Amino acid sequence: MTEIKLLQRSGEWFQFRRSLLLTASRFGDAIGLGMGRPYDFLVSLISDDPVYDPGDVTSEIMHGLDLELVIDEAYQILTGHVTQKSGLWIPDEDNSLHGISGASPDAKVYNVRHPNRIIGLAEYKSPVYKPYSEERHPPHGIPRRYMAQIQGQMAISKQPWCDFMAVCAKSRDIMLRRVYFNNVYWSSIAVAIKHFCDLLQEGLCRKVEGLAPLNFPAARAFKQLPIHDTFYPGEKDIVTTNLIRKTDSHRYRTRRGTFSYDFLMGNC
């Protein structure tokens, strides 16, 4: 694997991302774990129709960006680890996704005793209205599209785990779970991701040639695929560990101690 050390959301970072067909943040959309069918996502990446233009950054995305630095600082307090911003990782040359995909985790995690050695990754989310839960997001309490994202990040960067931290400011809830890489799950969804990228590549080439982009047999078959509401092989077997426990009055305990929500979020 290779890390291209570009500042996330910089002009150079966006330019390099545009050279790839798909990044880990959209793996879930590509395999039917997003908000719609994978075919609809495929159309959105090829079509010139303004209805598919994402336009300006949404308020929900801005909410997440505004909280990212605060969550990162809280993560370091809760775990005692040191973090650094991650660049854009690309797969090895012998990987089927080399040259067409990449991953940009929110942070690289280092052990404070060994500041030059990466020990894992961190990914931060900030749900606006409700915290994530196992009841709403089986089987692990993490939305399945995000599980595809972080498993892809680990696969591409070759890291053993990713700490998934989600903060819901409205309910003052904090989730912190360590997610371990599962090769069975990744091998399964990697095939689906590669198939999606092949269709996208073919569609873009046909568009340049003046042909109907998705009027070929494989794309027509792909159109029939629904949202993926069953679990992928290995998905239920992904190991996660809860690193935090809520006590009372929005106080949170880890092996490092007990901290109030306001302290962690800088509201004191």
C-alpha atoms as a PDB file:
ATOM      1  CA  MET A   1       0.000   0.000   0.000  1.00  0.00           C
ATOM      2  CA  THR A   2       1.035   3.610  -0.521  1.00  0.00           C
ATOM      3  CA  GLU A   3      -0.054   6.730   1.326  1.00  0.00           C
ATOM      4  CA  ILE A   4      -0.196   9.844  -0.834  1.00  0.00           C
ATOM      5  CA  LYS A   5       0.420  12.521   1.772  1.00  0.00           C
ATOM      6  CA  LEU A   6      -2.019  15.202   0.691  1.00  0.00           C
ATOM      7  CA  LEU A   7      -4.048  17.389   3.037  1.00  0.00           C
ATOM      8  CA  GLN A   8      -7.631  16.141   3.034  1.00  0.00           C
ATOM      9  CA  ARG A   9     -10.071  18.387   1.148  1.00  0.00           C
ATOM     10  CA  SER A  10      -7.220  20.412  -0.376  1.00  0.00           C
ATOM     11  CA  GLY A  11      -7.201  21.172  -4.091  1.00  0.00           C
ATOM     12  CA  GLU A  12      -4.480  18.592  -4.715  1.00  0.00           C
ATOM     13  CA  TRP A  13      -6.396  15.999  -2.702  1.00  0.00           C
ATOM     14  CA  PHE A  14      -9.595  16.537  -4.708  1.00  0.00           C
ATOM     15  CA  GLN A  15      -7.610  16.432  -7.947  1.00  0.00           C
ATOM     16  CA  PHE A  16      -6.041  13.084  -7.069  1.00  0.00           C
ATOM     17  CA  ARG A  17      -9.398  11.697  -5.928  1.00  0.00           C
ATOM     18  CA  ARG A  18     -10.898  12.595  -9.296  1.00  0.00           C
ATOM     19  CA  SER A  19      -8.355  10.289 -10.942  1.00  0.00           C
ATOM     20  CA  LEU A  20      -9.951   7.355  -9.095  1.00  0.00           C
ATOM     21  CA  LEU A  21     -13.286   5.769  -9.889  1.00  0.00           C
ATOM     22  CA  LEU A  22     -14.311   5.233  -6.276  1.00  0.00           C
ATOM     23  CA  THR A  23     -13.081   5.912  -2.758  1.00  0.00           C
ATOM     24  CA  ALA A  24     -13.888   3.989   0.408  1.00  0.00           C
ATOM     25  CA  SER A  25     -16.480   6.518   1.576  1.00  0.00           C
ATOM     26  CA  ARG A  26     -18.710   5.415  -1.332  1.00  0.00           C
ATOM     27  CA  PHE A  27     -18.071   1.660  -1.222  1.00  0.00           C
ATOM     28  CA  GLY A  28     -21.368   1.167   0.601  1.00  0.00           C
ATOM     29  CA  ASP A  29     -23.310   3.027  -2.102  1.00  0.00           C
ATOM     30  CA  ALA A  30     -21.667   0.874  -4.770  1.00  0.00           C
ATOM     31  CA  ILE A  31     -22.717  -2.434  -3.191  1.00  0.00           C
ATOM     32  CA  GLY A  32     -26.262  -1.610  -2.133  1.00  0.00           C
ATOM     33  CA  LEU A  33     -25.691  -0.478   1.452  1.00  0.00           C
ATOM     34  CA  GLY A  34     -26.332   3.221   0.860  1.00  0.00           C
ATOM     35  CA  MET A  35     -29.515   5.253   0.609  1.00  0.00           C
ATOM     36  CA  GLY A  36     -30.614   3.747  -2.714  1.00  0.00           C
ATOM     37  CA  ARG A  37     -29.990   1.053  -5.285  1.00  0.00           C
ATOM     38  CA  PRO A  38     -26.411   0.619  -6.527  1.00  0.00           C
ATOM     39  CA  TYR A  39     -27.642   1.217 -10.088  1.00  0.00           C
ATOM     40  CA  ASP A  40     -28.974   4.647  -9.137  1.00  0.00           C
ATOM     41  CA  PHE A  41     -25.565   5.507  -7.689  1.00  0.00           C
ATOM     42  CA  LEU A  42     -23.932   4.296 -10.906  1.00  0.00           C
ATOM     43  CA  VAL A  43     -26.200   6.558 -12.960  1.00  0.00           C
ATOM     44  CA  SER A  44     -25.363   9.528 -10.724  1.00  0.00           C
ATOM     45  CA  LEU A  45     -21.637   9.130 -11.481  1.00  0.00           C
ATOM     46  CA  ILE A  46     -22.162   9.070 -15.244  1.00  0.00           C
ATOM     47  CA  SER A  47     -25.130  11.353 -15.902  1.00  0.00           C
ATOM     48  CA  ASP A  48     -24.870  15.046 -16.811  1.00  0.00           C
ATOM     49  CA  ASP A  49     -28.378  15.640 -15.461  1.00  0.00           C
ATOM     50  CA  PRO A  50     -28.185  18.477 -12.877  1.00  0.00           C
ATOM     51  CA  VAL A  51     -30.432  16.462 -10.565  1.00  0.00           C
ATOM     52  CA  TYR A  52     -27.345  14.370  -9.775  1.00  0.00           C
ATOM     53  CA  ASP A  53     -25.081  17.365  -9.176  1.00  0.00           C
ATOM     54  CA  PRO A  54     -24.195  17.358  -5.451  1.00  0.00           C
ATOM     55  CA  GLY A  55     -23.726  21.137  -5.612  1.00  0.00           C
ATOM     56  CA  ASP A  56     -22.654  22.864  -2.424  1.00  0.00           C
ATOM     57  CA  VAL A  57     -21.679  20.996   0.712  1.00  0.00           C
ATOM     58  CA  THR A  58     -24.824  20.040   2.634  1.00  0.00           C
ATOM     59  CA  SER A  59     -25.549  21.232   6.158  1.00  0.00           C
ATOM     60  CA  GLU A  60     -25.099  17.665   7.452  1.00  0.00           C
ATOM     61  CA  ILE A  61     -21.645  17.404   5.876  1.00  0.00           C
ATOM     62  CA  MET A  62     -20.705  20.804   7.293  1.00  0.00           C
ATOM     63  CA  HIS A  63     -21.917  19.642  10.713  1.00  0.00           C
ATOM     64  CA  GLY A  64     -19.544  16.692  10.489  1.00  0.00           C
ATOM     65  CA  LEU A  65     -16.616  18.789   9.297  1.00  0.00           C
ATOM     66  CA  ASP A  66     -17.176  21.324  12.075  1.00  0.00           C
ATOM     67  CA  LEU A  67     -17.040  18.595  14.735  1.00  0.00           C
ATOM     68  CA  GLU A  68     -14.214  16.508  13.286  1.00  0.00           C
ATOM     69  CA  LEU A  69     -11.363  18.300  15.057  1.00  0.00           C
ATOM     70  CA  VAL A  70     -13.223  18.275  18.390  1.00  0.00           C
ATOM     71  CA  ILE A  71     -13.985  14.560  18.058  1.00  0.00           C
ATOM     72  CA  ASP A  72     -10.351  13.843  17.217  1.00  0.00           C
ATOM     73  CA  GLU A  73      -9.191  15.644  20.360  1.00  0.00           C
ATOM     74  CA  ALA A  74     -11.784  13.786  22.449  1.00  0.00           C
ATOM     75  CA  TYR A  75     -10.636  10.491  20.941  1.00  0.00           C
ATOM     76  CA  GLN A  76      -7.055  11.142  22.020  1.00  0.00           C
ATOM     77  CA  ILE A  77      -8.224  11.974  25.566  1.00  0.00           C
ATOM     78  CA  LEU A  78     -10.367   8.838  25.792  1.00  0.00           C
ATOM     79  CA  THR A  79      -7.767   6.422  24.404  1.00  0.00           C
ATOM     80  CA  GLY A  80      -4.417   7.984  25.238  1.00  0.00           C
ATOM     81  CA  HIS A  81      -3.332   7.422  21.650  1.00  0.00           C
ATOM     82  CA  VAL A  82      -1.777  10.010  19.367  1.00  0.00           C
ATOM     83  CA  THR A  83      -3.353  10.723  15.978  1.00  0.00           C
ATOM     84  CA  GLN A  84      -2.234  12.275  12.740  1.00  0.00           C
ATOM     85  CA  LYS A  85      -4.258  13.337   9.729  1.00  0.00           C
ATOM     86  CA  SER A  86      -4.265  10.674   7.058  1.00  0.00           C
ATOM     87  CA  GLY A  87      -3.465  11.190   3.423  1.00  0.00           C
ATOM     88  CA  LEU A  88      -4.992   9.170   0.584  1.00  0.00           C
ATOM     89  CA  TRP A  89      -4.077   5.488   0.520  1.00  0.00           C
ATOM     90  CA  ILE A  90      -4.006   3.489  -2.700  1.00  0.00           C
ATOM     91  CA  PRO A  91      -3.955  -0.318  -3.008  1.00  0.00           C
ATOM     92  CA  ASP A  92      -0.884  -2.333  -3.947  1.00  0.00           C
ATOM     93  CA  GLU A  93      -0.293  -3.024  -7.628  1.00  0.00           C
ATOM     94  CA  ASP A  94      -1.313  -6.672  -7.254  1.00  0.00           C
ATOM     95  CA  ASN A  95      -4.683  -5.643  -5.790  1.00  0.00           C
ATOM     96  CA  SER A  96      -7.678  -5.818  -8.140  1.00  0.00           C
ATOM     97  CA  LEU A  97      -8.695  -2.318  -7.001  1.00  0.00           C
ATOM     98  CA  HIS A  98      -5.297  -0.753  -7.765  1.00  0.00           C
ATOM     99  CA  GLY A  99      -5.599   2.374  -9.895  1.00  0.00           C
ATOM    100  CA  ILE A 100      -9.357   2.652  -9.502  1.00  0.00           C
ATOM    101  CA  SER A 101      -9.933   3.137  -5.771  1.00  0.00           C
ATOM    102  CA  GLY A 102      -8.446   4.686  -2.651  1.00  0.00           C
ATOM    103  CA  ALA A 103      -9.171   5.474   0.983  1.00  0.00           C
ATOM    104  CA  SER A 104      -8.807   8.510   3.246  1.00  0.00           C
ATOM    105  CA  PRO A 105      -9.406   7.593   6.903  1.00  0.00           C
ATOM    106  CA  ASP A 106      -9.979  10.502   9.260  1.00  0.00           C
ATOM    107  CA  ALA A 107      -6.844   9.702  11.258  1.00  0.00           C
ATOM    108  CA  LYS A 108      -3.863   7.422  11.630  1.00  0.00           C
ATOM    109  CA  VAL A 109      -3.413   6.171  15.197  1.00  0.00           C
ATOM    110  CA  TYR A 110      -0.034   5.870  16.908  1.00  0.00           C
ATOM    111  CA  ASN A 111       1.039   4.427  20.237  1.00  0.00           C
ATOM    112  CA  VAL A 112       2.418   7.223  22.390  1.00  0.00           C
ATOM    113  CA  ARG A 113       5.465   5.064  23.222  1.00  0.00           C
ATOM    114  CA  HIS A 114       6.212   4.426  19.536  1.00  0.00           C
ATOM    115  CA  PRO A 115       5.319   7.679  17.772  1.00  0.00           C
ATOM    116  CA  ASN A 116       6.631   6.533  14.390  1.00  0.00           C
ATOM    117  CA  ARG A 117       4.601   3.336  14.117  1.00  0.00           C
ATOM    118  CA  ILE A 118       0.977   3.286  12.987  1.00  0.00           C
ATOM    119  CA  ILE A 119      -1.090   0.851  15.041  1.00  0.00           C
ATOM    120  CA  GLY A 120      -4.533   1.486  13.555  1.00  0.00           C
ATOM    121  CA  LEU A 121      -6.983   3.972  12.089  1.00  0.00           C
ATOM    122  CA  ALA A 122      -9.787   6.181  13.373  1.00  0.00           C
ATOM    123  CA  GLU A 123     -12.981   7.203  11.609  1.00  0.00           C
ATOM    124  CA  TYR A 124     -15.278   9.909  13.000  1.00  0.00           C
ATOM    125  CA  LYS A 125     -18.994  10.450  12.413  1.00  0.00           C
ATOM    126  CA  SER A 126     -21.471  12.940  13.828  1.00  0.00           C
ATOM    127  CA  PRO A 127     -25.091  11.811  13.386  1.00  0.00           C
ATOM    128  CA  VAL A 128     -27.319  14.873  13.551  1.00  0.00           C
ATOM    129  CA  TYR A 129     -30.549  13.585  15.069  1.00  0.00           C
ATOM    130  CA  LYS A 130     -30.060  10.180  16.720  1.00  0.00           C
ATOM    131  CA  PRO A 131     -27.077   8.134  17.915  1.00  0.00           C
ATOM    132  CA  TYR A 132     -26.294   4.858  16.189  1.00  0.00           C
ATOM    133  CA  SER A 133     -27.495   1.714  17.954  1.00  0.00           C
ATOM    134  CA  GLU A 134     -27.558  -2.049  17.427  1.00  0.00           C
ATOM    135  CA  GLU A 135     -31.356  -1.907  17.289  1.00  0.00           C
ATOM    136  CA  ARG A 136     -31.338   0.567  14.393  1.00  0.00           C
ATOM    137  CA  HIS A 137     -28.120  -0.642  12.758  1.00  0.00           C
ATOM    138  CA  PRO A 138     -27.682  -4.416  13.119  1.00  0.00           C
ATOM    139  CA  PRO A 139     -25.538  -6.396  13.540  1.00  0.00           C
ATOM    140  CA  HIS A 140     -22.867  -4.147  15.093  1.00  0.00           C
ATOM    141  CA  GLY A 141     -24.584  -0.841  15.860  1.00  0.00           C
ATOM    142  CA  ILE A 142     -22.666   0.803  13.011  1.00  0.00           C
ATOM    143  CA  PRO A 143     -24.481   1.708   9.768  1.00  0.00           C
ATOM    144  CA  ARG A 144     -23.582  -0.951   7.219  1.00  0.00           C
ATOM    145  CA  ARG A 145     -22.356   1.580   4.650  1.00  0.00           C
ATOM    146  CA  TYR A 146     -19.811   2.796   7.205  1.00  0.00           C
ATOM    147  CA  MET A 147     -18.711  -0.760   7.948  1.00  0.00           C
ATOM    148  CA  ALA A 148     -17.950  -1.189   4.246  1.00  0.00           C
ATOM    149  CA  GLN A 149     -16.033   2.089   4.349  1.00  0.00           C
ATOM    150  CA  ILE A 150     -13.839   1.253   7.335  1.00  0.00           C
ATOM    151  CA  GLN A 151     -13.193  -2.340   6.245  1.00  0.00           C
ATOM    152  CA  GLY A 152     -12.070  -0.906   2.907  1.00  0.00           C
ATOM    153  CA  GLN A 153      -9.835   1.604   4.652  1.00  0.00           C
ATOM    154  CA  MET A 154      -8.188  -1.165   6.663  1.00  0.00           C
ATOM    155  CA  ALA A 155      -7.784  -3.404   3.621  1.00  0.00           C
ATOM    156  CA  ILE A 156      -6.148  -0.700   1.510  1.00  0.00           C
ATOM    157  CA  SER A 157      -3.892   0.664   4.266  1.00  0.00           C
ATOM    158  CA  LYS A 158      -3.235  -2.827   5.709  1.00  0.00           C
ATOM    159  CA  GLN A 159      -4.118  -1.881   9.274  1.00  0.00           C
ATOM    160  CA  PRO A 160      -5.561  -4.402  11.778  1.00  0.00           C
ATOM    161  CA  TRP A 161      -8.268  -2.219  13.305  1.00  0.00           C
ATOM    162  CA  CYS A 162     -10.153   1.045  13.025  1.00  0.00           C
ATOM    163  CA  ASP A 163     -11.672   2.898  15.979  1.00  0.00           C
ATOM    164  CA  PHE A 164     -15.129   4.117  14.972  1.00  0.00           C
ATOM    165  CA  MET A 165     -16.187   7.140  17.036  1.00  0.00           C
ATOM    166  CA  ALA A 166     -19.578   8.778  16.595  1.00  0.00           C
ATOM    167  CA  VAL A 167     -20.829  11.818  18.511  1.00  0.00           C
ATOM    168  CA  CYS A 168     -24.458  12.931  18.435  1.00  0.00           C
ATOM    169  CA  ALA A 169     -24.473  16.503  19.733  1.00  0.00           C
ATOM    170  CA  LYS A 170     -28.270  16.619  19.976  1.00  0.00           C
ATOM    171  CA  SER A 171     -28.529  13.661  22.377  1.00  0.00           C
ATOM    172  CA  ARG A 172     -25.022  14.135  23.830  1.00  0.00           C
ATOM    173  CA  ASP A 173     -24.187  10.498  23.107  1.00  0.00           C
ATOM    174  CA  ILE A 174     -20.743   9.123  22.278  1.00  0.00           C
ATOM    175  CA  MET A 175     -19.971   5.781  20.635  1.00  0.00           C
ATOM    176  CA  LEU A 176     -16.424   4.419  20.474  1.00  0.00           C
ATOM    177  CA  ARG A 177     -15.921   0.928  19.063  1.00  0.00           C
ATOM    178  CA  ARG A 178     -12.843  -0.816  17.795  1.00  0.00           C
ATOM    179  CA  VAL A 179     -13.583  -2.653  14.567  1.00  0.00           C
ATOM    180  CA  TYR A 180     -11.193  -5.391  13.477  1.00  0.00           C
ATOM    181  CA  PHE A 181     -10.453  -6.266   9.876  1.00  0.00           C
ATOM    182  CA  ASN A 182     -12.352  -9.279   8.548  1.00  0.00           C
ATOM    183  CA  ASN A 183     -10.863 -10.790   5.410  1.00  0.00           C
ATOM    184  CA  VAL A 184     -13.900 -12.939   4.581  1.00  0.00           C
ATOM    185  CA  TYR A 185     -16.181  -9.907   4.570  1.00  0.00           C
ATOM    186  CA  TRP A 186     -13.711  -7.761   2.666  1.00  0.00           C
ATOM    187  CA  SER A 187     -13.055 -10.427   0.028  1.00  0.00           C
ATOM    188  CA  SER A 188     -16.792 -10.660  -0.566  1.00  0.00           C
ATOM    189  CA  ILE A 189     -17.510  -6.956  -0.926  1.00  0.00           C
ATOM    190  CA  ALA A 190     -14.275  -6.321  -2.860  1.00  0.00           C
ATOM    191  CA  VAL A 191     -15.660  -8.472  -5.680  1.00  0.00           C
ATOM    192  CA  ALA A 192     -18.855  -6.391  -5.723  1.00  0.00           C
ATOM    193  CA  ILE A 193     -16.870  -3.127  -5.616  1.00  0.00           C
ATOM    194  CA  LYS A 194     -14.666  -4.255  -8.525  1.00  0.00           C
ATOM    195  CA  HIS A 195     -17.756  -5.200 -10.549  1.00  0.00           C
ATOM    196  CA  PHE A 196     -19.253  -1.765  -9.910  1.00  0.00           C
ATOM    197  CA  CYS A 197     -16.008  -0.069 -10.982  1.00  0.00           C
ATOM    198  CA  ASP A 198     -15.872  -2.166 -14.163  1.00  0.00           C
ATOM    199  CA  LEU A 199     -19.406  -1.065 -15.042  1.00  0.00           C
ATOM    200  CA  LEU A 200     -18.579   2.555 -14.275  1.00  0.00           C
ATOM    201  CA  GLN A 201     -15.423   2.430 -16.397  1.00  0.00           C
ATOM    202  CA  GLU A 202     -17.295   0.877 -19.319  1.00  0.00           C
ATOM    203  CA  GLY A 203     -20.116   3.395 -18.997  1.00  0.00           C
ATOM    204  CA  LEU A 204     -17.734   6.356 -18.990  1.00  0.00           C
ATOM    205  CA  CYS A 205     -15.918   5.018 -22.073  1.00  0.00           C
ATOM    206  CA  ARG A 206     -19.208   4.547 -23.926  1.00  0.00           C
ATOM    207  CA  LYS A 207     -20.228   8.078 -22.989  1.00  0.00           C
ATOM    208  CA  VAL A 208     -17.020   9.485 -24.523  1.00  0.00           C
ATOM    209  CA  GLU A 209     -17.721   7.479 -27.692  1.00  0.00           C
ATOM    210  CA  GLY A 210     -21.216   8.974 -27.941  1.00  0.00           C
ATOM    211  CA  LEU A 211     -22.992   5.737 -27.039  1.00  0.00           C
ATOM    212  CA  ALA A 212     -25.716   5.201 -24.460  1.00  0.00           C
ATOM    213  CA  PRO A 213     -23.510   4.764 -21.367  1.00  0.00           C
ATOM    214  CA  LEU A 214     -25.419   1.980 -19.654  1.00  0.00           C
ATOM    215  CA  ASN A 215     -27.005   0.235 -22.616  1.00  0.00           C
ATOM    216  CA  PHE A 216     -25.003  -2.979 -22.440  1.00  0.00           C
ATOM    217  CA  PRO A 217     -25.927  -6.384 -20.967  1.00  0.00           C
ATOM    218  CA  ALA A 218     -23.972  -6.231 -17.704  1.00  0.00           C
ATOM    219  CA  ALA A 219     -25.363  -2.780 -16.877  1.00  0.00           C
ATOM    220  CA  ARG A 220     -28.915  -3.851 -17.681  1.00  0.00           C
ATOM    221  CA  ALA A 221     -28.515  -6.836 -15.360  1.00  0.00           C
ATOM    222  CA  PHE A 222     -27.056  -4.573 -12.667  1.00  0.00           C
ATOM    223  CA  LYS A 223     -30.161  -2.381 -12.902  1.00  0.00           C
ATOM    224  CA  GLN A 224     -32.228  -5.198 -11.449  1.00  0.00           C
ATOM    225  CA  LEU A 225     -30.223  -5.415  -8.219  1.00  0.00           C
ATOM    226  CA  PRO A 226     -32.084  -4.087  -5.143  1.00  0.00           C
ATOM    227  CA  ILE A 227     -30.731  -2.490  -2.010  1.00  0.00           C
ATOM    228  CA  HIS A 228     -28.697  -5.232  -0.308  1.00  0.00           C
ATOM    229  CA  ASP A 229     -30.808  -6.083   2.738  1.00  0.00           C
ATOM    230  CA  THR A 230     -29.117  -9.392   3.564  1.00  0.00           C
ATOM    231  CA  PHE A 231     -25.726  -9.716   5.210  1.00  0.00           C
ATOM    232  CA  TYR A 232     -22.600 -10.300   3.158  1.00  0.00           C
ATOM    233  CA  PRO A 233     -20.447 -13.357   3.973  1.00  0.00           C
ATOM    234  CA  GLY A 234     -18.418 -12.658   7.092  1.00  0.00           C
ATOM    235  CA  GLU A 235     -20.381  -9.520   7.976  1.00  0.00           C
ATOM    236  CA  LYS A 236     -21.915 -10.930  11.149  1.00  0.00           C
ATOM    237  CA  ASP A 237     -18.521 -12.294  12.201  1.00  0.00           C
ATOM    238  CA  ILE A 238     -16.745  -8.932  12.205  1.00  0.00           C
ATOM    239  CA  VAL A 239     -15.292  -8.449  15.682  1.00  0.00           C
ATOM    240  CA  THR A 240     -15.999  -5.155  17.430  1.00  0.00           C
ATOM    241  CA  THR A 241     -15.047  -4.069  20.940  1.00  0.00           C
ATOM    242  CA  ASN A 242     -16.781  -1.341  22.903  1.00  0.00           C
ATOM    243  CA  LEU A 243     -14.095   1.023  24.247  1.00  0.00           C
ATOM    244  CA  ILE A 244     -16.396   3.327  26.193  1.00  0.00           C
ATOM    245  CA  ARG A 245     -19.163   3.030  28.773  1.00  0.00           C
ATOM    246  CA  LYS A 246     -21.761   5.639  29.611  1.00  0.00           C
ATOM    247  CA  THR A 247     -22.210   6.023  33.362  1.00  0.00           C
ATOM    248  CA  ASP A 248     -24.715   8.734  34.263  1.00  0.00           C
ATOM    249  CA  SER A 249     -25.433  12.372  33.488  1.00  0.00           C
ATOM    250  CA  HIS A 250     -23.590  12.075  30.179  1.00  0.00           C
ATOM    251  CA  ARG A 251     -20.327  10.924  31.692  1.00  0.00           C
ATOM    252  CA  TYR A 252     -18.182   8.426  29.819  1.00  0.00           C
ATOM    253  CA  ARG A 253     -15.670   5.928  31.158  1.00  0.00           C
ATOM    254  CA  THR A 254     -12.704   4.307  29.418  1.00  0.00           C
ATOM    255  CA  ARG A 255      -9.543   2.699  30.765  1.00  0.00           C
ATOM    256  CA  ARG A 256      -8.155   6.248  30.895  1.00  0.00           C
ATOM    257  CA  GLY A 257     -10.746   7.545  33.347  1.00  0.00           C
ATOM    258  CA  THR A 258     -14.203   9.118  33.486  1.00  0.00           C
ATOM    259  CA  PHE A 259     -14.989  12.277  31.547  1.00  0.00           C
ATOM    260  CA  SER A 260     -18.061  14.439  31.091  1.00  0.00           C
ATOM    261  CA  TYR A 261     -19.518  15.046  27.658  1.00  0.00           C
ATOM    262  CA  ASP A 262     -18.992  18.790  28.059  1.00  0.00           C
ATOM    263  CA  PHE A 263     -15.319  18.327  28.905  1.00  0.00           C
ATOM    264  CA  LEU A 264     -14.726  16.049  25.936  1.00  0.00           C
ATOM    265  CA  MET A 265     -16.526  18.369  23.532  1.00  0.00           C
ATOM    266  CA  GLY A 266     -14.828  21.505  24.851  1.00  0.00           C
ATOM    267  CA  ASN A 267     -18.009  22.980  26.316  1.00  0.00           C
ATOM    268  CA  CYS A 268     -16.540  23.667  29.759  1.00  0.00           C
END
